[in-house]
Protein backbone atom coordinates (compact mmCIF):
# COMPACT_ATOMS: atom_id res chain seq x y z
CA UNK A 1 0.00 0.00 0.00
CA UNK A 2 1.37 3.43 -0.93
CA UNK A 3 1.36 6.08 1.78
CA UNK A 4 0.80 9.56 0.39
CA UNK A 5 0.77 12.34 2.87
CA UNK A 6 2.81 15.53 2.88
CA UNK A 7 2.40 19.06 1.48
CA UNK A 8 4.38 21.41 -0.76
CA UNK A 9 7.90 22.16 -1.88
CA UNK A 10 8.59 25.85 -1.35
CA UNK A 11 10.52 27.45 -4.17
CA UNK A 12 10.73 31.20 -3.58
CA UNK A 13 13.39 33.30 -1.90
CA UNK A 14 11.41 36.49 -1.49
CA UNK A 15 11.86 38.56 1.64
CA UNK A 16 9.25 37.84 4.32
CA UNK A 17 6.11 39.91 4.09
CA UNK A 18 5.72 42.01 7.22
CA UNK A 19 2.68 42.78 9.33
CA UNK A 20 2.57 43.99 12.93
CA UNK A 21 0.43 42.28 15.54
CA UNK A 22 -0.07 44.97 18.14
CA UNK A 23 -3.83 44.40 18.28
CA UNK A 24 -3.62 40.63 18.87
CA UNK A 25 -1.78 39.80 22.07
CA UNK A 26 -1.61 36.16 23.08
CA UNK A 27 -4.26 35.29 25.64
CA UNK A 28 -4.17 32.15 27.82
CA UNK A 29 -6.36 30.45 25.22
CA UNK A 30 -4.79 31.83 22.02
CA UNK A 31 -1.92 29.94 20.41
CA UNK A 32 0.52 31.06 17.74
CA UNK A 33 1.82 28.55 15.19
CA UNK A 34 4.55 28.82 12.56
CA UNK A 35 3.76 26.50 9.62
CA UNK A 36 5.62 25.84 6.36
CA UNK A 37 3.85 24.74 3.19
CA UNK A 38 0.42 26.28 3.81
CA UNK A 39 -1.04 26.70 0.32
CA UNK A 40 -2.55 23.20 0.36
CA UNK A 41 -2.44 19.80 2.06
CA UNK A 42 -2.02 19.40 5.80
CA UNK A 43 -0.38 22.79 6.19
CA UNK A 44 -3.45 24.49 4.75
CA UNK A 45 -5.92 22.42 6.78
CA UNK A 46 -4.14 22.98 10.07
CA UNK A 47 -3.78 26.70 9.36
CA UNK A 48 -7.48 27.10 8.55
CA UNK A 49 -8.54 25.25 11.69
CA UNK A 50 -6.29 27.45 13.82
CA UNK A 51 -7.60 30.66 12.31
CA UNK A 52 -11.20 29.51 12.62
CA UNK A 53 -10.80 28.90 16.34
CA UNK A 54 -9.16 32.29 16.92
CA UNK A 55 -5.44 31.46 16.96
CA UNK A 56 -2.61 33.20 15.08
CA UNK A 57 -0.54 31.68 12.28
CA UNK A 58 2.77 32.61 10.72
CA UNK A 59 2.50 30.89 7.33
CA UNK A 60 5.10 30.31 4.63
CA UNK A 61 4.18 29.60 1.02
CA UNK A 62 5.69 29.61 -2.45
CA UNK A 63 3.54 32.55 -3.54
CA UNK A 64 2.12 34.88 -0.89
CA UNK A 65 -0.81 35.59 -3.22
CA UNK A 66 -2.03 32.04 -2.52
CA UNK A 67 -3.15 33.22 0.93
CA UNK A 68 -4.54 36.61 -0.13
CA UNK A 69 -8.15 35.62 0.53
CA UNK A 70 -7.38 34.28 4.00
CA UNK A 71 -5.24 37.32 4.75
CA UNK A 72 -8.17 39.58 3.85
CA UNK A 73 -10.47 37.52 6.06
CA UNK A 74 -8.26 37.19 9.14
CA UNK A 75 -6.09 40.28 8.91
CA UNK A 76 -3.36 40.53 11.52
CA UNK A 77 -3.93 37.02 12.82
CA UNK A 78 -2.30 35.69 9.64
CA UNK A 79 1.35 36.58 9.00
CA UNK A 80 2.61 35.45 5.58
CA UNK A 81 6.08 35.07 4.09
CA UNK A 82 7.50 33.48 0.95
CA UNK A 83 10.23 30.95 1.68
CA UNK A 84 12.75 28.87 -0.21
CA UNK A 85 13.27 25.78 1.94
CA UNK A 86 16.58 25.02 0.23
CA UNK A 87 18.02 28.38 1.32
CA UNK A 88 19.28 28.18 4.93
CA UNK A 89 19.83 31.93 5.15
CA UNK A 90 16.25 32.58 4.03
CA UNK A 91 14.94 30.08 6.59
CA UNK A 92 16.76 31.86 9.42
CA UNK A 93 15.64 35.26 8.13
CA UNK A 94 11.96 34.28 7.98
CA UNK A 95 11.98 32.47 11.34
CA UNK A 96 13.74 35.40 13.04
CA UNK A 97 11.25 37.86 11.53
CA UNK A 98 8.25 35.79 12.65
CA UNK A 99 9.43 35.58 16.26
CA UNK A 100 10.41 39.25 16.27
CA UNK A 101 7.04 40.45 15.03
CA UNK A 102 4.70 37.97 16.70
CA UNK A 103 6.51 37.54 20.00
CA UNK A 104 5.89 34.08 21.41
CA UNK A 105 5.33 31.22 18.95
CA UNK A 106 3.95 28.14 20.65
CA UNK A 107 4.26 25.55 17.87
CA UNK A 108 6.67 25.32 14.94
CA UNK A 109 5.22 22.95 12.35
CA UNK A 110 7.71 21.73 9.75
CA UNK A 111 5.34 20.56 7.05
CA UNK A 112 6.67 21.51 3.62
CA UNK A 113 7.93 18.57 1.56
CA UNK A 114 7.23 16.69 -1.65
CA UNK A 115 7.60 13.21 -3.11
CA UNK A 116 10.10 11.97 -5.70
CA UNK A 117 8.83 8.88 -7.54
CA UNK A 118 11.29 6.52 -9.21
CA UNK A 119 13.57 3.58 -8.58
CA UNK A 120 16.97 4.43 -7.12
CA UNK A 121 18.69 3.95 -10.49
CA UNK A 122 16.11 6.05 -12.33
CA UNK A 123 16.29 9.32 -10.40
CA UNK A 124 18.66 11.96 -11.72
CA UNK A 125 21.43 13.51 -9.64
CA UNK A 126 19.57 16.83 -9.70
CA UNK A 127 16.34 15.22 -8.49
CA UNK A 128 18.20 13.40 -5.73
CA UNK A 129 19.89 16.55 -4.48
CA UNK A 130 16.73 18.68 -4.53
CA UNK A 131 14.71 16.01 -2.69
CA UNK A 132 17.27 15.78 0.11
CA UNK A 133 17.89 19.54 0.26
CA UNK A 134 14.17 20.25 0.55
CA UNK A 135 12.72 17.46 2.68
CA UNK A 136 15.67 16.68 4.92
CA UNK A 137 18.15 19.54 5.05
CA UNK A 138 15.43 22.18 4.85
CA UNK A 139 13.49 20.63 7.72
CA UNK A 140 16.65 20.32 9.79
CA UNK A 141 17.55 23.95 9.16
CA UNK A 142 14.04 25.09 10.10
CA UNK A 143 14.23 23.32 13.45
CA UNK A 144 17.74 24.65 14.06
CA UNK A 145 16.56 28.19 13.30
CA UNK A 146 13.62 27.89 15.72
CA UNK A 147 15.44 26.34 18.68
CA UNK A 148 17.18 29.50 20.00
CA UNK A 149 13.85 31.33 20.04
CA UNK A 150 12.02 28.47 21.74
CA UNK A 151 14.73 28.26 24.40
CA UNK A 152 14.65 32.01 24.96
CA UNK A 153 10.89 32.05 25.52
CA UNK A 154 11.01 29.14 27.95
CA UNK A 155 9.72 26.32 25.77
CA UNK A 156 7.34 25.37 23.00
CA UNK A 157 6.56 22.57 20.60
CA UNK A 158 8.14 21.33 17.37
CA UNK A 159 5.87 19.31 15.10
CA UNK A 160 7.71 17.54 12.28
CA UNK A 161 5.59 16.08 9.50
CA UNK A 162 6.85 12.71 8.33
CA UNK A 163 4.66 9.87 7.04
CA UNK A 164 4.22 6.14 7.39
CA UNK A 165 7.14 6.21 4.95
CA UNK A 166 9.36 7.31 7.82
CA UNK A 167 9.04 3.83 9.33
CA UNK A 168 8.30 1.67 6.27
CA UNK A 169 9.41 1.48 2.63
CA UNK A 170 7.68 1.17 -0.75
CA UNK A 171 9.34 0.66 -4.15
CA UNK A 172 9.93 3.87 -6.13
CA UNK A 173 9.98 6.06 -3.03
CA UNK A 174 13.56 5.36 -1.96
CA UNK A 175 14.72 8.98 -1.96
CA UNK A 176 11.55 10.15 -0.24
CA UNK A 177 12.06 7.44 2.39
CA UNK A 178 15.68 8.51 2.85
CA UNK A 179 14.48 12.00 3.78
CA UNK A 180 11.71 10.80 6.08
CA UNK A 181 13.78 8.18 7.89
CA UNK A 182 16.50 10.82 8.19
CA UNK A 183 14.27 13.55 9.59
CA UNK A 184 12.72 11.12 12.07
CA UNK A 185 16.16 10.24 13.38
CA UNK A 186 17.08 13.90 13.65
CA UNK A 187 13.83 14.92 15.34
CA UNK A 188 14.00 12.05 17.83
CA UNK A 189 17.53 13.07 18.76
CA UNK A 190 16.54 16.73 19.14
CA UNK A 191 13.70 15.67 21.44
CA UNK A 192 16.28 14.24 23.85
CA UNK A 193 18.51 17.30 23.57
CA UNK A 194 15.89 19.95 24.28
CA UNK A 195 13.51 18.31 26.75
CA UNK A 196 15.17 20.11 29.67
CA UNK A 197 14.31 23.43 27.97
CA UNK A 198 10.58 22.57 28.07
CA UNK A 199 10.58 22.04 24.29
CA UNK A 200 8.55 19.07 23.10
CA UNK A 201 8.95 17.32 19.75
CA UNK A 202 6.30 15.33 17.91
CA UNK A 203 6.85 13.39 14.68
CA UNK A 204 3.59 13.09 12.76
CA UNK A 205 3.16 10.02 10.52
CA UNK A 206 0.04 10.35 8.34
CA UNK A 207 -1.08 7.57 6.07
CA UNK A 208 -2.68 7.86 2.65
CA UNK A 209 -5.15 10.75 2.41
CA UNK A 210 -6.79 12.83 -0.29
CA UNK A 211 -4.30 15.71 -0.29
CA UNK A 212 -2.26 17.07 -3.18
CA UNK A 213 0.71 14.79 -2.47
CA UNK A 214 0.11 12.47 -5.44
CA UNK A 215 -0.49 15.31 -7.86
CA UNK A 216 2.72 16.98 -6.69
CA UNK A 217 4.95 13.95 -7.20
CA UNK A 218 8.10 14.55 -9.24
CA UNK A 219 8.68 11.59 -11.58
CA UNK A 220 12.07 10.20 -12.53
CA UNK A 221 12.80 9.02 -16.08
CA UNK A 222 11.51 5.46 -16.50
CA UNK A 223 13.93 2.61 -17.23
CA UNK A 224 12.29 -0.27 -19.11
CA UNK A 225 14.47 -2.75 -17.20
CA UNK A 226 12.31 -2.17 -14.10
CA UNK A 227 8.99 -2.84 -15.81
CA UNK A 228 8.62 -6.40 -14.46
CA UNK A 229 9.93 -5.64 -10.97
CA UNK A 230 8.11 -4.47 -7.84
CA UNK A 231 9.02 -0.93 -8.89
CA UNK A 232 7.18 -1.42 -12.17
CA UNK A 233 4.18 -2.96 -10.42
CA UNK A 234 3.92 -0.02 -8.02
CA UNK A 235 4.23 2.43 -10.91
CA UNK A 236 1.37 0.79 -12.77
CA UNK A 237 -0.74 0.62 -9.63
CA UNK A 238 -0.17 4.30 -8.89
CA UNK A 239 -1.05 5.39 -12.41
CA UNK A 240 -4.14 3.16 -12.45
CA UNK A 241 -5.37 4.39 -9.07
CA UNK A 242 -5.26 0.89 -7.60
CA UNK A 243 -4.10 1.86 -4.11
CA UNK A 244 -6.72 2.61 -1.45
CA UNK A 245 -6.71 5.97 0.32
CA UNK A 246 -8.35 5.27 3.70
CA UNK A 247 -7.34 8.36 5.64
CA UNK A 248 -9.45 11.42 6.46
CA UNK A 249 -7.22 14.49 6.11
CA UNK A 250 -9.56 16.70 8.14
CA UNK A 251 -9.54 14.28 11.09
CA UNK A 252 -5.76 14.04 10.89
CA UNK A 253 -5.37 17.81 10.92
CA UNK A 254 -7.54 17.99 14.03
CA UNK A 255 -5.47 15.26 15.68
CA UNK A 256 -2.35 17.35 15.05
CA UNK A 257 -3.96 20.34 16.76
CA UNK A 258 -5.06 18.19 19.69
CA UNK A 259 -1.59 16.69 20.10
CA UNK A 260 -0.11 20.15 20.61
CA UNK A 261 -2.08 20.36 23.88
CA UNK A 262 -0.78 17.03 25.20
CA UNK A 263 1.91 17.17 27.87
CA UNK A 264 4.39 15.69 27.63
CA UNK A 265 4.48 15.83 23.85
CA UNK A 266 3.97 12.44 22.17
CA UNK A 267 7.19 11.62 20.31
CA UNK A 268 5.25 10.07 17.43
CA UNK A 269 1.71 10.48 16.19
CA UNK A 270 0.61 7.66 13.87
CA UNK A 271 -2.44 8.71 11.85
CA UNK A 272 -4.50 6.38 9.69
CA UNK A 273 -5.38 2.68 9.62
CA UNK A 274 -2.78 2.01 6.93
CA UNK A 275 -0.08 3.74 8.98
CA UNK A 276 -0.88 1.61 12.01
CA UNK A 277 -0.96 -1.65 10.02
CA UNK A 278 2.12 -0.97 7.87
CA UNK A 279 4.30 0.51 10.60
CA UNK A 280 3.39 -2.21 13.08
CA UNK A 281 4.17 -4.93 10.53
CA UNK A 282 7.51 -3.31 9.74
CA UNK A 283 8.47 -2.97 13.40
CA UNK A 284 7.46 -6.56 14.20
CA UNK A 285 9.52 -7.84 11.27
CA UNK A 286 12.54 -5.77 12.29
CA UNK A 287 12.31 -7.00 15.89
CA UNK A 288 12.07 -10.61 14.71
CA UNK A 289 15.13 -10.12 12.50
CA UNK A 290 17.03 -8.59 15.42
CA UNK A 291 16.09 -11.41 17.77
CA UNK A 292 17.25 -13.93 15.18
CA UNK A 293 20.71 -12.34 15.37
CA UNK A 294 20.90 -12.29 19.16
CA UNK A 295 23.52 -15.02 19.40
CA UNK A 296 25.93 -13.50 16.91
CA UNK A 297 25.41 -9.99 18.31
CA UNK A 298 26.25 -11.06 21.86
CA UNK A 299 29.17 -13.17 20.67
CA UNK A 300 30.89 -10.00 19.41
CA UNK A 301 31.67 -8.81 22.96
CA UNK A 302 35.36 -8.27 23.59
CA UNK A 303 37.08 -11.09 25.45
CA UNK A 304 37.72 -10.36 29.10
């Protein structure tokens, strides 16, 4: 089963748009979120739910015009900036500006990403580099940019969007998996490093949902040699629409909001019946394989 889940690749390096928030001070019930990739997908859904309930959002997008209607509706409760996720200097500039102008930001949601579809041999060097620079390095740099601000304000929450593909693998998504397994390892490590600063970290693992993930896939050139392999079978299944999409994106977005109020922060948030089934099966298989190697592992201890 293919897991399709995450939002957009951001490809603009414009300076952050600037609005002042003097008329909207945080109240005990109001939260402020910073979210990347908000023009569609989970980023958009979470942002809309936050605004509808009266919270503030600092949103990054590829084109600020994509949020013009919401900006007109919500005014100073929506701060918008264009961001190139492959530009570390731009990430720091936008994050610094958001904290400077909004004051406290309670949740930093690293959502922006995209999928690269193709067998390992099929993807080009340029596609490989852009996938890693966007999904992995960009997410790492976003978290790094936010940490000094979260420490200075006495805590907060980091929410890193991954997918079931951060714990499992499917043919043709090798580079996407490399970024999601990588960002999960990074985020889990950061959680241990910053817990004493009252900063919680949650890795969100959505399953297949009706978002724009599939439409936004970047496709590698096809090699005929893979036609009769699992990679070819998955390609045909994806193009034919053979894979079920059991997840409800709206419910998942609400679960993300709810998790931000849980203390301590859940390290992982598995969302969707396919995520639960696929991740559990993968973990059980990995544990069985580890147990099968117990004897040889223990035999490698240095002699006394």
